[in-house]
């Protein structure tokens, strides 16, 4: 059973930066971590979980929801089975619990629609709280 553990959340002020990390363990030995599409989602109180960013397992293409483009950057260190979300110019509306997720589907070329749907992801972390004060 794949396990995902997020870290790096915290309380910051508007305009600050944070880097979230998600470490995947118990990844099946027959398939390299680099081949998995990894996503970040977030859920604010009283709201549905929403897509933030993803990095494809096929060609490491990156995807972002419009509200974070130019401010957030997703990356991965395959040697460490880790995916990162660098968040800059944080705003109070970025406040949420951030979840890392792993998608086992093998894409030739992943579409934004494919990687942005939470139901496409098979494994989820427990989440890390990000709070941005004004």
C-alpha atoms as a PDB file:
ATOM      1  CA  UNK A   1       0.000   0.000   0.000  1.00  0.00           C
ATOM      2  CA  UNK A   2       1.499   3.298  -1.105  1.00  0.00           C
ATOM      3  CA  UNK A   3       1.905   5.861   1.652  1.00  0.00           C
ATOM      4  CA  UNK A   4       2.179   9.589   1.096  1.00  0.00           C
ATOM      5  CA  UNK A   5       3.358  11.937   3.803  1.00  0.00           C
ATOM      6  CA  UNK A   6       3.195  15.695   3.395  1.00  0.00           C
ATOM      7  CA  UNK A   7       5.230  18.241   5.298  1.00  0.00           C
ATOM      8  CA  UNK A   8       6.108  21.909   5.192  1.00  0.00           C
ATOM      9  CA  UNK A   9       2.824  23.567   6.033  1.00  0.00           C
ATOM     10  CA  UNK A  10       2.546  26.343   8.559  1.00  0.00           C
ATOM     11  CA  UNK A  11       1.328  29.808   9.440  1.00  0.00           C
ATOM     12  CA  UNK A  12       2.744  32.600   7.300  1.00  0.00           C
ATOM     13  CA  UNK A  13       1.909  36.141   6.353  1.00  0.00           C
ATOM     14  CA  UNK A  14       0.593  37.277   2.998  1.00  0.00           C
ATOM     15  CA  UNK A  15       3.430  37.560   0.523  1.00  0.00           C
ATOM     16  CA  UNK A  16       5.551  34.891   2.207  1.00  0.00           C
ATOM     17  CA  UNK A  17       6.679  31.600   0.719  1.00  0.00           C
ATOM     18  CA  UNK A  18       6.437  27.963   1.757  1.00  0.00           C
ATOM     19  CA  UNK A  19       7.659  24.732   0.264  1.00  0.00           C
ATOM     20  CA  UNK A  20       5.562  21.635   0.726  1.00  0.00           C
ATOM     21  CA  UNK A  21       7.052  18.193   0.341  1.00  0.00           C
ATOM     22  CA  UNK A  22       5.400  14.824  -0.186  1.00  0.00           C
ATOM     23  CA  UNK A  23       7.340  11.625   0.275  1.00  0.00           C
ATOM     24  CA  UNK A  24       5.996   8.434  -1.262  1.00  0.00           C
ATOM     25  CA  UNK A  25       6.848   5.142   0.371  1.00  0.00           C
ATOM     26  CA  UNK A  26       5.942   1.552  -0.412  1.00  0.00           C
ATOM     27  CA  UNK A  27       5.839   2.366  -4.104  1.00  0.00           C
ATOM     28  CA  UNK A  28       5.577  -0.956  -5.980  1.00  0.00           C
ATOM     29  CA  UNK A  29       9.064  -2.114  -6.883  1.00  0.00           C
ATOM     30  CA  UNK A  30       8.083  -3.032 -10.422  1.00  0.00           C
ATOM     31  CA  UNK A  31       7.453   0.547 -11.443  1.00  0.00           C
ATOM     32  CA  UNK A  32       9.614   3.591 -10.986  1.00  0.00           C
ATOM     33  CA  UNK A  33       8.320   6.564  -9.013  1.00  0.00           C
ATOM     34  CA  UNK A  34       9.093   8.838 -11.958  1.00  0.00           C
ATOM     35  CA  UNK A  35       6.333   7.169 -13.960  1.00  0.00           C
ATOM     36  CA  UNK A  36       3.570   8.172 -11.555  1.00  0.00           C
ATOM     37  CA  UNK A  37       1.615  11.373 -12.018  1.00  0.00           C
ATOM     38  CA  UNK A  38       1.638  13.299  -8.756  1.00  0.00           C
ATOM     39  CA  UNK A  39      -0.839  15.965  -7.780  1.00  0.00           C
ATOM     40  CA  UNK A  40      -1.446  18.578  -5.138  1.00  0.00           C
ATOM     41  CA  UNK A  41      -4.972  19.445  -4.056  1.00  0.00           C
ATOM     42  CA  UNK A  42      -6.292  21.691  -1.316  1.00  0.00           C
ATOM     43  CA  UNK A  43      -9.433  22.022   0.717  1.00  0.00           C
ATOM     44  CA  UNK A  44     -10.492  25.125   2.568  1.00  0.00           C
ATOM     45  CA  UNK A  45     -13.098  25.016   5.354  1.00  0.00           C
ATOM     46  CA  UNK A  46     -16.588  24.617   3.946  1.00  0.00           C
ATOM     47  CA  UNK A  47     -15.318  24.137   0.405  1.00  0.00           C
ATOM     48  CA  UNK A  48     -14.766  21.194  -1.869  1.00  0.00           C
ATOM     49  CA  UNK A  49     -11.330  19.801  -2.505  1.00  0.00           C
ATOM     50  CA  UNK A  50      -9.787  21.567  -5.474  1.00  0.00           C
ATOM     51  CA  UNK A  51      -6.925  20.866  -7.809  1.00  0.00           C
ATOM     52  CA  UNK A  52      -3.778  22.940  -7.377  1.00  0.00           C
ATOM     53  CA  UNK A  53      -1.027  21.395  -9.464  1.00  0.00           C
ATOM     54  CA  UNK A  54       0.260  18.168 -10.963  1.00  0.00           C
ATOM     55  CA  UNK A  55       3.357  16.786 -12.586  1.00  0.00           C
ATOM     56  CA  UNK A  56       2.979  14.081 -15.195  1.00  0.00           C
ATOM     57  CA  UNK A  57       4.602  10.699 -14.930  1.00  0.00           C
ATOM     58  CA  UNK A  58       4.945  10.416 -18.702  1.00  0.00           C
ATOM     59  CA  UNK A  59       7.015  13.483 -19.528  1.00  0.00           C
ATOM     60  CA  UNK A  60       7.069  15.562 -16.319  1.00  0.00           C
ATOM     61  CA  UNK A  61       4.742  18.134 -17.797  1.00  0.00           C
ATOM     62  CA  UNK A  62       3.366  20.464 -15.173  1.00  0.00           C
ATOM     63  CA  UNK A  63      -0.163  21.706 -14.673  1.00  0.00           C
ATOM     64  CA  UNK A  64      -1.580  24.476 -12.506  1.00  0.00           C
ATOM     65  CA  UNK A  65      -4.943  25.873 -11.659  1.00  0.00           C
ATOM     66  CA  UNK A  66      -5.268  29.469 -12.824  1.00  0.00           C
ATOM     67  CA  UNK A  67      -5.222  31.003  -9.362  1.00  0.00           C
ATOM     68  CA  UNK A  68      -1.703  29.732  -8.616  1.00  0.00           C
ATOM     69  CA  UNK A  69      -0.022  30.137 -11.987  1.00  0.00           C
ATOM     70  CA  UNK A  70       3.113  32.210 -11.671  1.00  0.00           C
ATOM     71  CA  UNK A  71       3.168  31.792  -7.904  1.00  0.00           C
ATOM     72  CA  UNK A  72       3.438  28.036  -7.327  1.00  0.00           C
ATOM     73  CA  UNK A  73       5.922  25.583  -8.821  1.00  0.00           C
ATOM     74  CA  UNK A  74       5.684  21.803  -8.697  1.00  0.00           C
ATOM     75  CA  UNK A  75       8.766  19.639  -9.011  1.00  0.00           C
ATOM     76  CA  UNK A  76       9.928  16.159  -8.169  1.00  0.00           C
ATOM     77  CA  UNK A  77      13.074  14.418  -6.952  1.00  0.00           C
ATOM     78  CA  UNK A  78      12.682  10.891  -8.195  1.00  0.00           C
ATOM     79  CA  UNK A  79      15.732   9.637  -6.333  1.00  0.00           C
ATOM     80  CA  UNK A  80      13.957  10.580  -3.102  1.00  0.00           C
ATOM     81  CA  UNK A  81      10.419   9.605  -4.193  1.00  0.00           C
ATOM     82  CA  UNK A  82       9.449  13.158  -3.350  1.00  0.00           C
ATOM     83  CA  UNK A  83       7.318  15.807  -4.980  1.00  0.00           C
ATOM     84  CA  UNK A  84       7.465  19.460  -3.951  1.00  0.00           C
ATOM     85  CA  UNK A  85       5.176  22.432  -4.184  1.00  0.00           C
ATOM     86  CA  UNK A  86       7.006  25.737  -3.920  1.00  0.00           C
ATOM     87  CA  UNK A  87       4.488  28.419  -3.018  1.00  0.00           C
ATOM     88  CA  UNK A  88       5.347  32.085  -3.303  1.00  0.00           C
ATOM     89  CA  UNK A  89       3.420  35.323  -2.927  1.00  0.00           C
ATOM     90  CA  UNK A  90       0.973  33.521  -0.698  1.00  0.00           C
ATOM     91  CA  UNK A  91      -2.445  35.067  -0.196  1.00  0.00           C
ATOM     92  CA  UNK A  92      -5.071  34.547   2.500  1.00  0.00           C
ATOM     93  CA  UNK A  93      -7.250  32.662  -0.003  1.00  0.00           C
ATOM     94  CA  UNK A  94      -4.490  30.059  -0.300  1.00  0.00           C
ATOM     95  CA  UNK A  95      -5.346  28.988   3.231  1.00  0.00           C
ATOM     96  CA  UNK A  96      -6.336  25.327   3.171  1.00  0.00           C
ATOM     97  CA  UNK A  97      -5.260  21.822   3.964  1.00  0.00           C
ATOM     98  CA  UNK A  98      -2.972  20.722   1.152  1.00  0.00           C
ATOM     99  CA  UNK A  99      -3.022  17.104   0.042  1.00  0.00           C
ATOM    100  CA  UNK A 100      -0.583  15.154  -2.050  1.00  0.00           C
ATOM    101  CA  UNK A 101      -1.956  12.423  -4.303  1.00  0.00           C
ATOM    102  CA  UNK A 102      -0.610   9.695  -6.558  1.00  0.00           C
ATOM    103  CA  UNK A 103      -2.199   8.648  -9.834  1.00  0.00           C
ATOM    104  CA  UNK A 104      -1.373   5.162 -11.088  1.00  0.00           C
ATOM    105  CA  UNK A 105      -2.801   5.615 -14.579  1.00  0.00           C
ATOM    106  CA  UNK A 106      -0.179   5.393 -17.309  1.00  0.00           C
ATOM    107  CA  UNK A 107      -0.606   8.332 -19.685  1.00  0.00           C
ATOM    108  CA  UNK A 108       1.040   8.698 -23.037  1.00  0.00           C
ATOM    109  CA  UNK A 109       0.391  12.397 -22.656  1.00  0.00           C
ATOM    110  CA  UNK A 110      -1.740  13.538 -19.754  1.00  0.00           C
ATOM    111  CA  UNK A 111      -4.383  16.175 -20.330  1.00  0.00           C
ATOM    112  CA  UNK A 112      -5.191  18.893 -17.815  1.00  0.00           C
ATOM    113  CA  UNK A 113      -8.623  17.332 -17.415  1.00  0.00           C
ATOM    114  CA  UNK A 114      -7.089  13.979 -16.573  1.00  0.00           C
ATOM    115  CA  UNK A 115      -4.660  15.212 -13.945  1.00  0.00           C
ATOM    116  CA  UNK A 116      -6.973  17.726 -12.288  1.00  0.00           C
ATOM    117  CA  UNK A 117      -9.722  15.334 -11.263  1.00  0.00           C
ATOM    118  CA  UNK A 118      -9.358  13.971  -7.714  1.00  0.00           C
ATOM    119  CA  UNK A 119     -11.144  10.762  -8.668  1.00  0.00           C
ATOM    120  CA  UNK A 120      -8.225   9.894 -10.956  1.00  0.00           C
ATOM    121  CA  UNK A 121      -5.904   9.585  -7.969  1.00  0.00           C
ATOM    122  CA  UNK A 122      -5.549   6.340  -6.083  1.00  0.00           C
ATOM    123  CA  UNK A 123      -3.561   7.317  -3.013  1.00  0.00           C
ATOM    124  CA  UNK A 124      -3.720  10.355  -0.789  1.00  0.00           C
ATOM    125  CA  UNK A 125      -1.718  11.786   2.047  1.00  0.00           C
ATOM    126  CA  UNK A 126      -3.150  13.038   5.309  1.00  0.00           C
ATOM    127  CA  UNK A 127      -2.663  16.676   4.398  1.00  0.00           C
ATOM    128  CA  UNK A 128      -0.712  19.597   5.771  1.00  0.00           C
ATOM    129  CA  UNK A 129      -2.264  22.850   6.936  1.00  0.00           C
ATOM    130  CA  UNK A 130      -1.283  26.096   5.260  1.00  0.00           C
ATOM    131  CA  UNK A 131      -2.588  29.262   6.864  1.00  0.00           C
ATOM    132  CA  UNK A 132      -1.891  32.663   5.351  1.00  0.00           C
ATOM    133  CA  UNK A 133      -2.681  35.702   7.471  1.00  0.00           C
ATOM    134  CA  UNK A 134      -3.376  39.128   5.997  1.00  0.00           C
END
